[in-house]
């Protein structure tokens, strides 16, 4: 039985600020939490229809 070789991932140190910027670019324009977004939309619709 042959032993499987694992490829080591390249690990580089990146400052936290740069890492967050890269993540933000990756997720720009995408809805990360669609369920929460829909709940908020429903809540706002209820507020618009409520009489004060």
C-alpha atoms as a PDB file:
ATOM      1  CA  UNK A   1       0.000   0.000   0.000  1.00  0.00           C
ATOM      2  CA  UNK A   2       1.464   3.334  -1.028  1.00  0.00           C
ATOM      3  CA  UNK A   3       1.546   6.233   1.342  1.00  0.00           C
ATOM      4  CA  UNK A   4      -0.346   9.271   0.056  1.00  0.00           C
ATOM      5  CA  UNK A   5       1.667  12.434  -0.226  1.00  0.00           C
ATOM      6  CA  UNK A   6       0.073  15.568   1.069  1.00  0.00           C
ATOM      7  CA  UNK A   7       0.753  18.774  -0.766  1.00  0.00           C
ATOM      8  CA  UNK A   8       1.639  21.531   1.619  1.00  0.00           C
ATOM      9  CA  UNK A   9      -0.343  24.692   1.197  1.00  0.00           C
ATOM     10  CA  UNK A  10       1.500  27.931   0.716  1.00  0.00           C
ATOM     11  CA  UNK A  11       1.165  29.977   3.836  1.00  0.00           C
ATOM     12  CA  UNK A  12       2.057  33.635   3.739  1.00  0.00           C
ATOM     13  CA  UNK A  13       1.667  36.178   6.466  1.00  0.00           C
ATOM     14  CA  UNK A  14      -0.785  38.892   5.510  1.00  0.00           C
ATOM     15  CA  UNK A  15      -1.718  41.823   7.725  1.00  0.00           C
ATOM     16  CA  UNK A  16      -5.296  41.650   9.036  1.00  0.00           C
ATOM     17  CA  UNK A  17      -6.264  44.853   7.228  1.00  0.00           C
ATOM     18  CA  UNK A  18      -5.138  43.474   3.860  1.00  0.00           C
ATOM     19  CA  UNK A  19      -6.830  40.136   4.506  1.00  0.00           C
ATOM     20  CA  UNK A  20     -10.152  41.841   5.267  1.00  0.00           C
ATOM     21  CA  UNK A  21      -9.775  43.986   2.147  1.00  0.00           C
ATOM     22  CA  UNK A  22      -9.265  40.867   0.021  1.00  0.00           C
ATOM     23  CA  UNK A  23     -12.319  39.203   1.549  1.00  0.00           C
ATOM     24  CA  UNK A  24     -14.397  42.338   0.992  1.00  0.00           C
ATOM     25  CA  UNK A  25     -13.415  42.408  -2.682  1.00  0.00           C
ATOM     26  CA  UNK A  26     -14.339  38.746  -3.041  1.00  0.00           C
ATOM     27  CA  UNK A  27     -17.813  39.199  -1.544  1.00  0.00           C
ATOM     28  CA  UNK A  28     -18.616  42.618  -3.018  1.00  0.00           C
ATOM     29  CA  UNK A  29     -22.121  42.653  -4.478  1.00  0.00           C
ATOM     30  CA  UNK A  30     -23.075  39.259  -3.020  1.00  0.00           C
ATOM     31  CA  UNK A  31     -25.737  38.675  -0.402  1.00  0.00           C
ATOM     32  CA  UNK A  32     -23.982  36.741   2.340  1.00  0.00           C
ATOM     33  CA  UNK A  33     -27.053  36.360   4.567  1.00  0.00           C
ATOM     34  CA  UNK A  34     -30.096  36.059   2.253  1.00  0.00           C
ATOM     35  CA  UNK A  35     -32.437  34.844   5.043  1.00  0.00           C
ATOM     36  CA  UNK A  36     -31.674  37.857   7.241  1.00  0.00           C
ATOM     37  CA  UNK A  37     -32.010  40.183   4.268  1.00  0.00           C
ATOM     38  CA  UNK A  38     -35.481  38.817   3.523  1.00  0.00           C
ATOM     39  CA  UNK A  39     -36.494  39.139   7.189  1.00  0.00           C
ATOM     40  CA  UNK A  40     -35.386  42.774   7.177  1.00  0.00           C
ATOM     41  CA  UNK A  41     -37.323  43.468   3.981  1.00  0.00           C
ATOM     42  CA  UNK A  42     -40.474  41.963   5.518  1.00  0.00           C
ATOM     43  CA  UNK A  43     -39.984  44.051   8.657  1.00  0.00           C
ATOM     44  CA  UNK A  44     -39.590  47.251   6.634  1.00  0.00           C
ATOM     45  CA  UNK A  45     -42.734  46.440   4.637  1.00  0.00           C
ATOM     46  CA  UNK A  46     -44.652  46.049   7.912  1.00  0.00           C
ATOM     47  CA  UNK A  47     -43.328  49.389   9.145  1.00  0.00           C
ATOM     48  CA  UNK A  48     -44.371  51.171   5.969  1.00  0.00           C
ATOM     49  CA  UNK A  49     -47.889  49.741   6.259  1.00  0.00           C
ATOM     50  CA  UNK A  50     -48.279  50.497   9.988  1.00  0.00           C
ATOM     51  CA  UNK A  51     -50.409  53.445  11.008  1.00  0.00           C
ATOM     52  CA  UNK A  52     -49.014  55.671  13.720  1.00  0.00           C
END
